[in-house]
Amino acid sequence: MKKIVLKVSSTDQLGIVSAVSQCISNIGGNIVESGQFVDPDTDQLFMRVCFSITSDQQYADFRNSFAAVSARYGMEWNSFDMSVKPRVLVMVSQLGHCLNDLLYRNSINQLPMELVGIVSNHDAFRRRAEHEGIPYFFMPVTPENKLDQEAALLDLIDKQRVDLVILARYMQILSDELSRRLSGRVINIHHSFLPSFKGAKPYHQAHKRGVKLIGATAHYVTADLDEGPIIEQDVRRVDHTADANAMVALGRDTESQVLAKAVKLHLEQRILLNNDRTIIFA
């Protein structure tokens, strides 16, 4: 059996859900999961349907017949063969907690992806990558070579046919042009103290202010720094007994878990973009 995920967005209209279901039924598909949502502010319909088929021919038949359905209702749509794992590139600097968590989850097949490489502006994790048998690309960045290195990164992404880039605490800011070129294909993680505690040692700043919640946010990267559509967030409560080091440890655990969940949602094609927001069928 082969699983297909269909993602649809359009203006809400009478008969869309029925038309989608009928098209899948006509080619012999069996719906195993379905979700839809209408944004009351824009009257926009978002839909995700997972269905099973038995052959590549059925999938070709579906795509051909659904093209006519989508044209009738003015839909934007895409479909994904879930037996084909997305090709993923991870980028990291000098903090390895998110990278190590992703590598472990990948090693136990918890994330449906093909990890094609690790990129870093430092050489700290080369041996870790070699131990896992994953290609390591050392790309040091300076103000003088930043544009050249971004061009090299884009070339690598093209050659490796990368579907998703994960910024696992990669501490270089991507240029506006690079962010636009990779729109919807880059996920970043950061602590949720932004914008209250920017710059160096945010957890130490938070400790001095006596914060009571440690948080993390995973989001898609856009040209607006740390303001892309949010995919996943979580918080952990702390009290006065937690020193700065305890807050750092708790924050890193939270970041790792939030990033992994966001990546999994993306890999399973559960996210649809609604302008600056996300619709997630978890």
C-alpha atoms as a PDB file:
ATOM      1  CA  MET A   1       0.000   0.000   0.000  1.00  0.00           C
ATOM      2  CA  LYS A   2       1.124   3.541  -0.792  1.00  0.00           C
ATOM      3  CA  LYS A   3       0.029   6.576   1.233  1.00  0.00           C
ATOM      4  CA  ILE A   4      -0.635   9.895  -0.470  1.00  0.00           C
ATOM      5  CA  VAL A   5      -1.172  13.236   1.251  1.00  0.00           C
ATOM      6  CA  LEU A   6      -3.208  15.896  -0.548  1.00  0.00           C
ATOM      7  CA  LYS A   7      -3.085  19.520   0.641  1.00  0.00           C
ATOM      8  CA  VAL A   8      -5.637  21.998  -0.671  1.00  0.00           C
ATOM      9  CA  SER A   9      -6.453  25.666  -0.150  1.00  0.00           C
ATOM     10  CA  SER A  10      -9.186  27.677  -1.864  1.00  0.00           C
ATOM     11  CA  THR A  11     -12.070  30.026  -1.255  1.00  0.00           C
ATOM     12  CA  ASP A  12     -14.708  28.106   0.685  1.00  0.00           C
ATOM     13  CA  GLN A  13     -17.382  26.799  -1.681  1.00  0.00           C
ATOM     14  CA  LEU A  14     -20.263  24.355  -1.491  1.00  0.00           C
ATOM     15  CA  GLY A  15     -19.287  20.860  -2.601  1.00  0.00           C
ATOM     16  CA  ILE A  16     -15.471  21.040  -2.311  1.00  0.00           C
ATOM     17  CA  VAL A  17     -15.096  18.333   0.335  1.00  0.00           C
ATOM     18  CA  SER A  18     -17.434  16.050  -1.579  1.00  0.00           C
ATOM     19  CA  ALA A  19     -15.589  16.660  -4.848  1.00  0.00           C
ATOM     20  CA  VAL A  20     -12.225  15.832  -3.249  1.00  0.00           C
ATOM     21  CA  SER A  21     -13.562  12.642  -1.665  1.00  0.00           C
ATOM     22  CA  GLN A  22     -15.259  11.552  -4.904  1.00  0.00           C
ATOM     23  CA  CYS A  23     -12.093  12.069  -6.929  1.00  0.00           C
ATOM     24  CA  ILE A  24     -10.133   9.851  -4.528  1.00  0.00           C
ATOM     25  CA  SER A  25     -12.868   7.214  -4.544  1.00  0.00           C
ATOM     26  CA  ASN A  26     -13.053   7.180  -8.345  1.00  0.00           C
ATOM     27  CA  ILE A  27      -9.437   6.040  -8.708  1.00  0.00           C
ATOM     28  CA  GLY A  28      -9.849   3.359  -6.007  1.00  0.00           C
ATOM     29  CA  GLY A  29      -8.246   5.283  -3.156  1.00  0.00           C
ATOM     30  CA  ASN A  30      -9.237   4.853   0.491  1.00  0.00           C
ATOM     31  CA  ILE A  31      -9.241   7.921   2.768  1.00  0.00           C
ATOM     32  CA  VAL A  32      -7.518   7.130   6.082  1.00  0.00           C
ATOM     33  CA  GLU A  33      -7.222  10.658   7.515  1.00  0.00           C
ATOM     34  CA  SER A  34      -8.949  13.951   6.715  1.00  0.00           C
ATOM     35  CA  GLY A  35      -9.103  17.449   8.170  1.00  0.00           C
ATOM     36  CA  GLN A  36     -10.435  20.787   7.007  1.00  0.00           C
ATOM     37  CA  PHE A  37     -10.633  24.315   8.368  1.00  0.00           C
ATOM     38  CA  VAL A  38     -12.266  27.514   7.120  1.00  0.00           C
ATOM     39  CA  ASP A  39     -10.652  30.769   8.220  1.00  0.00           C
ATOM     40  CA  PRO A  40     -13.618  32.961   9.225  1.00  0.00           C
ATOM     41  CA  ASP A  41     -11.615  36.136   8.570  1.00  0.00           C
ATOM     42  CA  THR A  42     -10.798  35.333   4.935  1.00  0.00           C
ATOM     43  CA  ASP A  43     -13.355  32.625   4.032  1.00  0.00           C
ATOM     44  CA  GLN A  44     -10.398  30.498   2.928  1.00  0.00           C
ATOM     45  CA  LEU A  45     -10.655  26.718   3.100  1.00  0.00           C
ATOM     46  CA  PHE A  46      -7.662  24.576   4.082  1.00  0.00           C
ATOM     47  CA  MET A  47      -7.774  20.809   3.715  1.00  0.00           C
ATOM     48  CA  ARG A  48      -5.429  17.864   4.246  1.00  0.00           C
ATOM     49  CA  VAL A  49      -6.400  14.361   3.168  1.00  0.00           C
ATOM     50  CA  CYS A  50      -4.325  11.197   3.506  1.00  0.00           C
ATOM     51  CA  PHE A  51      -5.429   8.254   1.388  1.00  0.00           C
ATOM     52  CA  SER A  52      -4.051   4.844   0.452  1.00  0.00           C
ATOM     53  CA  ILE A  53      -3.633   3.341  -3.015  1.00  0.00           C
ATOM     54  CA  THR A  54      -1.961   0.220  -4.351  1.00  0.00           C
ATOM     55  CA  SER A  55      -0.099   1.376  -7.459  1.00  0.00           C
ATOM     56  CA  ASP A  56       1.792   4.214  -9.120  1.00  0.00           C
ATOM     57  CA  GLN A  57      -0.789   4.167 -11.900  1.00  0.00           C
ATOM     58  CA  GLN A  58      -3.534   5.024  -9.421  1.00  0.00           C
ATOM     59  CA  TYR A  59      -1.473   7.992  -8.264  1.00  0.00           C
ATOM     60  CA  ALA A  60      -1.001   9.192 -11.852  1.00  0.00           C
ATOM     61  CA  ASP A  61      -4.728   8.782 -12.484  1.00  0.00           C
ATOM     62  CA  PHE A  62      -5.512  10.783  -9.361  1.00  0.00           C
ATOM     63  CA  ARG A  63      -3.252  13.678 -10.296  1.00  0.00           C
ATOM     64  CA  ASN A  64      -4.727  13.816 -13.798  1.00  0.00           C
ATOM     65  CA  SER A  65      -8.328  13.763 -12.623  1.00  0.00           C
ATOM     66  CA  PHE A  66      -7.766  16.117  -9.687  1.00  0.00           C
ATOM     67  CA  ALA A  67      -6.341  18.767 -12.000  1.00  0.00           C
ATOM     68  CA  ALA A  68      -9.825  19.182 -13.448  1.00  0.00           C
ATOM     69  CA  VAL A  69     -11.402  19.319  -9.973  1.00  0.00           C
ATOM     70  CA  SER A  70      -8.941  21.962  -8.807  1.00  0.00           C
ATOM     71  CA  ALA A  71      -9.567  24.078 -11.898  1.00  0.00           C
ATOM     72  CA  ARG A  72     -13.333  23.947 -11.289  1.00  0.00           C
ATOM     73  CA  TYR A  73     -12.989  25.296  -7.744  1.00  0.00           C
ATOM     74  CA  GLY A  74      -9.911  27.498  -8.198  1.00  0.00           C
ATOM     75  CA  MET A  75      -7.827  25.455  -5.776  1.00  0.00           C
ATOM     76  CA  GLU A  76      -4.148  25.646  -4.921  1.00  0.00           C
ATOM     77  CA  TRP A  77      -3.014  22.097  -4.229  1.00  0.00           C
ATOM     78  CA  ASN A  78      -0.164  19.656  -4.019  1.00  0.00           C
ATOM     79  CA  SER A  79       0.129  15.953  -3.333  1.00  0.00           C
ATOM     80  CA  PHE A  80       2.925  13.921  -1.792  1.00  0.00           C
ATOM     81  CA  ASP A  81       3.880  10.257  -2.019  1.00  0.00           C
ATOM     82  CA  MET A  82       4.757   9.528   1.607  1.00  0.00           C
ATOM     83  CA  SER A  83       6.998   6.605   0.646  1.00  0.00           C
ATOM     84  CA  VAL A  84       9.447   9.196  -0.740  1.00  0.00           C
ATOM     85  CA  LYS A  85      11.326  10.701   2.204  1.00  0.00           C
ATOM     86  CA  PRO A  86      12.134  14.430   2.003  1.00  0.00           C
ATOM     87  CA  ARG A  87      15.835  15.200   1.643  1.00  0.00           C
ATOM     88  CA  VAL A  88      17.027  17.265   4.621  1.00  0.00           C
ATOM     89  CA  LEU A  89      20.066  19.426   5.333  1.00  0.00           C
ATOM     90  CA  VAL A  90      20.859  20.438   8.942  1.00  0.00           C
ATOM     91  CA  MET A  91      22.819  23.610   9.729  1.00  0.00           C
ATOM     92  CA  VAL A  92      24.516  24.151  13.094  1.00  0.00           C
ATOM     93  CA  SER A  93      27.094  26.425  14.725  1.00  0.00           C
ATOM     94  CA  GLN A  94      28.643  25.581  18.113  1.00  0.00           C
ATOM     95  CA  LEU A  95      25.675  24.467  20.252  1.00  0.00           C
ATOM     96  CA  GLY A  96      24.908  20.826  19.517  1.00  0.00           C
ATOM     97  CA  HIS A  97      21.825  19.979  21.586  1.00  0.00           C
ATOM     98  CA  CYS A  98      19.325  20.310  18.738  1.00  0.00           C
ATOM     99  CA  LEU A  99      21.646  18.576  16.258  1.00  0.00           C
ATOM    100  CA  ASN A 100      22.271  15.649  18.612  1.00  0.00           C
ATOM    101  CA  ASP A 101      18.549  15.267  19.263  1.00  0.00           C
ATOM    102  CA  LEU A 102      17.769  15.230  15.528  1.00  0.00           C
ATOM    103  CA  LEU A 103      20.545  12.722  14.849  1.00  0.00           C
ATOM    104  CA  TYR A 104      19.203  10.381  17.527  1.00  0.00           C
ATOM    105  CA  ARG A 105      15.617  10.638  16.293  1.00  0.00           C
ATOM    106  CA  ASN A 106      16.846  10.041  12.759  1.00  0.00           C
ATOM    107  CA  SER A 107      18.815   6.967  13.861  1.00  0.00           C
ATOM    108  CA  ILE A 108      15.682   5.337  15.324  1.00  0.00           C
ATOM    109  CA  ASN A 109      13.551   6.287  12.304  1.00  0.00           C
ATOM    110  CA  GLN A 110      11.375   8.663  14.314  1.00  0.00           C
ATOM    111  CA  LEU A 111      11.651  11.318  11.608  1.00  0.00           C
ATOM    112  CA  PRO A 112      10.620  10.341   8.046  1.00  0.00           C
ATOM    113  CA  MET A 113      13.532  12.010   6.272  1.00  0.00           C
ATOM    114  CA  GLU A 114      16.738  11.346   4.366  1.00  0.00           C
ATOM    115  CA  LEU A 115      19.502  13.343   6.054  1.00  0.00           C
ATOM    116  CA  VAL A 116      21.874  14.286   3.228  1.00  0.00           C
ATOM    117  CA  GLY A 117      24.340  16.459   5.123  1.00  0.00           C
ATOM    118  CA  ILE A 118      25.313  18.789   7.949  1.00  0.00           C
ATOM    119  CA  VAL A 119      26.523  22.326   7.238  1.00  0.00           C
ATOM    120  CA  SER A 120      28.398  24.373   9.816  1.00  0.00           C
ATOM    121  CA  ASN A 121      30.355  27.588  10.045  1.00  0.00           C
ATOM    122  CA  HIS A 122      32.523  25.794  12.645  1.00  0.00           C
ATOM    123  CA  ASP A 123      34.343  22.468  12.548  1.00  0.00           C
ATOM    124  CA  ALA A 124      33.156  21.320  15.980  1.00  0.00           C
ATOM    125  CA  PHE A 125      30.779  18.563  14.859  1.00  0.00           C
ATOM    126  CA  ARG A 126      32.746  16.981  12.025  1.00  0.00           C
ATOM    127  CA  ARG A 127      33.642  13.863  14.051  1.00  0.00           C
ATOM    128  CA  ARG A 128      30.010  13.532  15.183  1.00  0.00           C
ATOM    129  CA  ALA A 129      28.859  13.629  11.561  1.00  0.00           C
ATOM    130  CA  GLU A 130      31.533  11.151  10.462  1.00  0.00           C
ATOM    131  CA  HIS A 131      30.481   8.782  13.257  1.00  0.00           C
ATOM    132  CA  GLU A 132      26.940   8.838  11.847  1.00  0.00           C
ATOM    133  CA  GLY A 133      28.186   8.483   8.274  1.00  0.00           C
ATOM    134  CA  ILE A 134      26.715  11.847   7.262  1.00  0.00           C
ATOM    135  CA  PRO A 135      28.555  14.241   4.909  1.00  0.00           C
ATOM    136  CA  TYR A 136      29.869  17.338   6.707  1.00  0.00           C
ATOM    137  CA  PHE A 137      30.251  20.659   4.898  1.00  0.00           C
ATOM    138  CA  PHE A 138      32.450  23.203   6.657  1.00  0.00           C
ATOM    139  CA  MET A 139      31.470  26.708   5.498  1.00  0.00           C
ATOM    140  CA  PRO A 140      33.083  29.381   7.695  1.00  0.00           C
ATOM    141  CA  VAL A 141      31.376  32.760   7.367  1.00  0.00           C
ATOM    142  CA  THR A 142      32.969  36.208   7.608  1.00  0.00           C
ATOM    143  CA  PRO A 143      31.564  39.604   6.621  1.00  0.00           C
ATOM    144  CA  GLU A 144      33.804  39.463   3.560  1.00  0.00           C
ATOM    145  CA  ASN A 145      32.737  36.010   2.277  1.00  0.00           C
ATOM    146  CA  LYS A 146      29.110  35.841   3.444  1.00  0.00           C
ATOM    147  CA  LEU A 147      27.549  36.281  -0.004  1.00  0.00           C
ATOM    148  CA  ASP A 148      29.960  33.794  -1.577  1.00  0.00           C
ATOM    149  CA  GLN A 149      29.191  31.217   1.112  1.00  0.00           C
ATOM    150  CA  GLU A 150      25.457  31.701   0.652  1.00  0.00           C
ATOM    151  CA  ALA A 151      25.906  31.118  -3.075  1.00  0.00           C
ATOM    152  CA  ALA A 152      27.849  27.942  -2.255  1.00  0.00           C
ATOM    153  CA  LEU A 153      25.076  26.882   0.131  1.00  0.00           C
ATOM    154  CA  LEU A 154      22.417  27.357  -2.560  1.00  0.00           C
ATOM    155  CA  ASP A 155      24.549  25.348  -4.971  1.00  0.00           C
ATOM    156  CA  LEU A 156      24.817  22.552  -2.404  1.00  0.00           C
ATOM    157  CA  ILE A 157      21.049  22.619  -1.809  1.00  0.00           C
ATOM    158  CA  ASP A 158      20.420  22.360  -5.551  1.00  0.00           C
ATOM    159  CA  LYS A 159      22.949  19.573  -6.122  1.00  0.00           C
ATOM    160  CA  GLN A 160      21.651  17.557  -3.153  1.00  0.00           C
ATOM    161  CA  ARG A 161      18.006  18.199  -4.155  1.00  0.00           C
ATOM    162  CA  VAL A 162      17.293  19.391  -0.602  1.00  0.00           C
ATOM    163  CA  ASP A 163      13.608  19.682   0.337  1.00  0.00           C
ATOM    164  CA  LEU A 164      14.067  21.078   3.860  1.00  0.00           C
ATOM    165  CA  VAL A 165      16.799  23.010   5.687  1.00  0.00           C
ATOM    166  CA  ILE A 166      16.827  22.840   9.497  1.00  0.00           C
ATOM    167  CA  LEU A 167      18.621  25.568  11.426  1.00  0.00           C
ATOM    168  CA  ALA A 168      19.590  23.599  14.534  1.00  0.00           C
ATOM    169  CA  ARG A 169      20.975  26.614  16.413  1.00  0.00           C
ATOM    170  CA  TYR A 170      22.779  27.961  13.363  1.00  0.00           C
ATOM    171  CA  MET A 171      23.822  31.394  14.554  1.00  0.00           C
ATOM    172  CA  GLN A 172      24.394  33.159  11.231  1.00  0.00           C
ATOM    173  CA  ILE A 173      21.572  35.368   9.940  1.00  0.00           C
ATOM    174  CA  LEU A 174      20.449  34.353   6.459  1.00  0.00           C
ATOM    175  CA  SER A 175      20.264  37.187   3.952  1.00  0.00           C
ATOM    176  CA  ASP A 176      16.892  38.470   2.745  1.00  0.00           C
ATOM    177  CA  GLU A 177      17.561  37.065  -0.714  1.00  0.00           C
ATOM    178  CA  LEU A 178      18.459  33.608   0.602  1.00  0.00           C
ATOM    179  CA  SER A 179      15.391  33.610   2.863  1.00  0.00           C
ATOM    180  CA  ARG A 180      13.169  34.444  -0.106  1.00  0.00           C
ATOM    181  CA  ARG A 181      14.785  31.781  -2.306  1.00  0.00           C
ATOM    182  CA  LEU A 182      14.159  29.124   0.338  1.00  0.00           C
ATOM    183  CA  SER A 183      10.728  30.359   1.454  1.00  0.00           C
ATOM    184  CA  GLY A 184       8.739  27.607   3.185  1.00  0.00           C
ATOM    185  CA  ARG A 185      11.755  25.268   3.174  1.00  0.00           C
ATOM    186  CA  VAL A 186      13.719  26.469   6.233  1.00  0.00           C
ATOM    187  CA  ILE A 187      12.777  25.847   9.876  1.00  0.00           C
ATOM    188  CA  ASN A 188      14.503  27.710  12.707  1.00  0.00           C
ATOM    189  CA  ILE A 189      14.420  27.364  16.500  1.00  0.00           C
ATOM    190  CA  HIS A 190      14.922  30.083  19.085  1.00  0.00           C
ATOM    191  CA  HIS A 191      14.174  30.762  22.718  1.00  0.00           C
ATOM    192  CA  SER A 192      10.863  32.499  23.340  1.00  0.00           C
ATOM    193  CA  PHE A 193      12.317  35.412  25.271  1.00  0.00           C
ATOM    194  CA  LEU A 194      12.550  37.384  22.042  1.00  0.00           C
ATOM    195  CA  PRO A 195      12.299  40.287  21.816  1.00  0.00           C
ATOM    196  CA  SER A 196      12.716  40.808  25.577  1.00  0.00           C
ATOM    197  CA  PHE A 197      16.151  39.210  25.837  1.00  0.00           C
ATOM    198  CA  LYS A 198      18.094  39.631  22.627  1.00  0.00           C
ATOM    199  CA  GLY A 199      21.812  39.233  22.179  1.00  0.00           C
ATOM    200  CA  ALA A 200      24.286  37.216  24.228  1.00  0.00           C
ATOM    201  CA  LYS A 201      23.270  34.918  27.102  1.00  0.00           C
ATOM    202  CA  PRO A 202      19.482  35.357  26.953  1.00  0.00           C
ATOM    203  CA  TYR A 203      18.927  32.832  29.761  1.00  0.00           C
ATOM    204  CA  HIS A 204      21.260  34.736  32.040  1.00  0.00           C
ATOM    205  CA  GLN A 205      19.350  37.919  31.217  1.00  0.00           C
ATOM    206  CA  ALA A 206      16.091  36.108  31.977  1.00  0.00           C
ATOM    207  CA  HIS A 207      17.446  34.835  35.287  1.00  0.00           C
ATOM    208  CA  LYS A 208      18.314  38.366  36.352  1.00  0.00           C
ATOM    209  CA  ARG A 209      14.739  39.433  35.593  1.00  0.00           C
ATOM    210  CA  GLY A 210      13.253  36.496  37.509  1.00  0.00           C
ATOM    211  CA  VAL A 211      11.236  35.008  34.638  1.00  0.00           C
ATOM    212  CA  LYS A 212       8.860  32.186  35.525  1.00  0.00           C
ATOM    213  CA  LEU A 213       8.527  30.531  32.100  1.00  0.00           C
ATOM    214  CA  ILE A 214      11.211  29.054  29.848  1.00  0.00           C
ATOM    215  CA  GLY A 215      10.073  28.763  26.243  1.00  0.00           C
ATOM    216  CA  ALA A 216      11.029  27.908  22.682  1.00  0.00           C
ATOM    217  CA  THR A 217       9.543  28.669  19.264  1.00  0.00           C
ATOM    218  CA  ALA A 218      10.038  26.860  15.948  1.00  0.00           C
ATOM    219  CA  HIS A 219       9.096  28.801  12.840  1.00  0.00           C
ATOM    220  CA  TYR A 220       9.630  29.100   9.116  1.00  0.00           C
ATOM    221  CA  VAL A 221      12.384  31.511   8.133  1.00  0.00           C
ATOM    222  CA  THR A 222      11.468  34.723   6.328  1.00  0.00           C
ATOM    223  CA  ALA A 223      13.293  37.938   5.541  1.00  0.00           C
ATOM    224  CA  ASP A 224      11.869  39.363   8.793  1.00  0.00           C
ATOM    225  CA  LEU A 225      14.244  38.041  11.446  1.00  0.00           C
ATOM    226  CA  ASP A 226      12.562  35.534  13.791  1.00  0.00           C
ATOM    227  CA  GLU A 227       9.097  36.632  12.635  1.00  0.00           C
ATOM    228  CA  GLY A 228       8.205  33.840  10.207  1.00  0.00           C
ATOM    229  CA  PRO A 229       5.046  31.691  10.531  1.00  0.00           C
ATOM    230  CA  ILE A 230       5.117  29.825  13.851  1.00  0.00           C
ATOM    231  CA  ILE A 231       4.933  26.026  13.711  1.00  0.00           C
ATOM    232  CA  GLU A 232       5.359  24.906  17.317  1.00  0.00           C
ATOM    233  CA  GLN A 233       5.949  26.397  20.772  1.00  0.00           C
ATOM    234  CA  ASP A 234       6.297  25.130  24.328  1.00  0.00           C
ATOM    235  CA  VAL A 235       7.024  26.543  27.770  1.00  0.00           C
ATOM    236  CA  ARG A 236       8.357  25.162  31.062  1.00  0.00           C
ATOM    237  CA  ARG A 237       7.748  26.741  34.449  1.00  0.00           C
ATOM    238  CA  VAL A 238      10.655  27.691  36.709  1.00  0.00           C
ATOM    239  CA  ASP A 239      10.856  29.282  40.148  1.00  0.00           C
ATOM    240  CA  HIS A 240      13.381  31.215  42.209  1.00  0.00           C
ATOM    241  CA  THR A 241      15.455  28.096  42.914  1.00  0.00           C
ATOM    242  CA  ALA A 242      16.541  27.779  39.259  1.00  0.00           C
ATOM    243  CA  ASP A 243      19.881  29.432  38.616  1.00  0.00           C
ATOM    244  CA  ALA A 244      21.065  30.536  35.187  1.00  0.00           C
ATOM    245  CA  ASN A 245      22.702  27.178  34.412  1.00  0.00           C
ATOM    246  CA  ALA A 246      19.509  25.289  35.263  1.00  0.00           C
ATOM    247  CA  MET A 247      17.557  27.620  33.011  1.00  0.00           C
ATOM    248  CA  VAL A 248      20.027  27.052  30.169  1.00  0.00           C
ATOM    249  CA  ALA A 249      19.661  23.268  30.527  1.00  0.00           C
ATOM    250  CA  LEU A 250      15.878  23.426  30.638  1.00  0.00           C
ATOM    251  CA  GLY A 251      15.827  25.828  27.715  1.00  0.00           C
ATOM    252  CA  ARG A 252      17.989  23.559  25.568  1.00  0.00           C
ATOM    253  CA  ASP A 253      15.768  20.560  26.299  1.00  0.00           C
ATOM    254  CA  THR A 254      12.717  22.600  25.322  1.00  0.00           C
ATOM    255  CA  GLU A 255      14.353  23.870  22.143  1.00  0.00           C
ATOM    256  CA  SER A 256      15.286  20.331  21.070  1.00  0.00           C
ATOM    257  CA  GLN A 257      11.791  18.966  21.615  1.00  0.00           C
ATOM    258  CA  VAL A 258      10.016  21.884  19.965  1.00  0.00           C
ATOM    259  CA  LEU A 259      12.284  21.769  16.918  1.00  0.00           C
ATOM    260  CA  ALA A 260      11.862  18.005  16.512  1.00  0.00           C
ATOM    261  CA  LYS A 261       8.078  18.289  16.684  1.00  0.00           C
ATOM    262  CA  ALA A 262       8.030  21.112  14.133  1.00  0.00           C
ATOM    263  CA  VAL A 263      10.248  19.128  11.777  1.00  0.00           C
ATOM    264  CA  LYS A 264       8.034  16.044  12.101  1.00  0.00           C
ATOM    265  CA  LEU A 265       4.906  18.086  11.335  1.00  0.00           C
ATOM    266  CA  HIS A 266       6.587  19.451   8.217  1.00  0.00           C
ATOM    267  CA  LEU A 267       7.892  16.068   7.056  1.00  0.00           C
ATOM    268  CA  GLU A 268       4.443  14.529   7.458  1.00  0.00           C
ATOM    269  CA  GLN A 269       2.970  17.325   5.329  1.00  0.00           C
ATOM    270  CA  ARG A 270       0.666  18.487   8.127  1.00  0.00           C
ATOM    271  CA  ILE A 271       1.286  22.231   7.695  1.00  0.00           C
ATOM    272  CA  LEU A 272      -0.431  24.668   5.352  1.00  0.00           C
ATOM    273  CA  LEU A 273       0.519  28.345   5.228  1.00  0.00           C
ATOM    274  CA  ASN A 274      -2.198  30.943   5.766  1.00  0.00           C
ATOM    275  CA  ASN A 275      -0.351  34.194   4.995  1.00  0.00           C
ATOM    276  CA  ASP A 276       1.788  34.784   8.115  1.00  0.00           C
ATOM    277  CA  ARG A 277       0.163  31.967  10.082  1.00  0.00           C
ATOM    278  CA  THR A 278       0.145  28.192   9.890  1.00  0.00           C
ATOM    279  CA  ILE A 279      -2.751  25.745   9.688  1.00  0.00           C
ATOM    280  CA  ILE A 280      -1.633  22.467  11.259  1.00  0.00           C
ATOM    281  CA  PHE A 281      -3.574  19.222  10.997  1.00  0.00           C
ATOM    282  CA  ALA A 282      -1.839  17.271  13.785  1.00  0.00           C
END
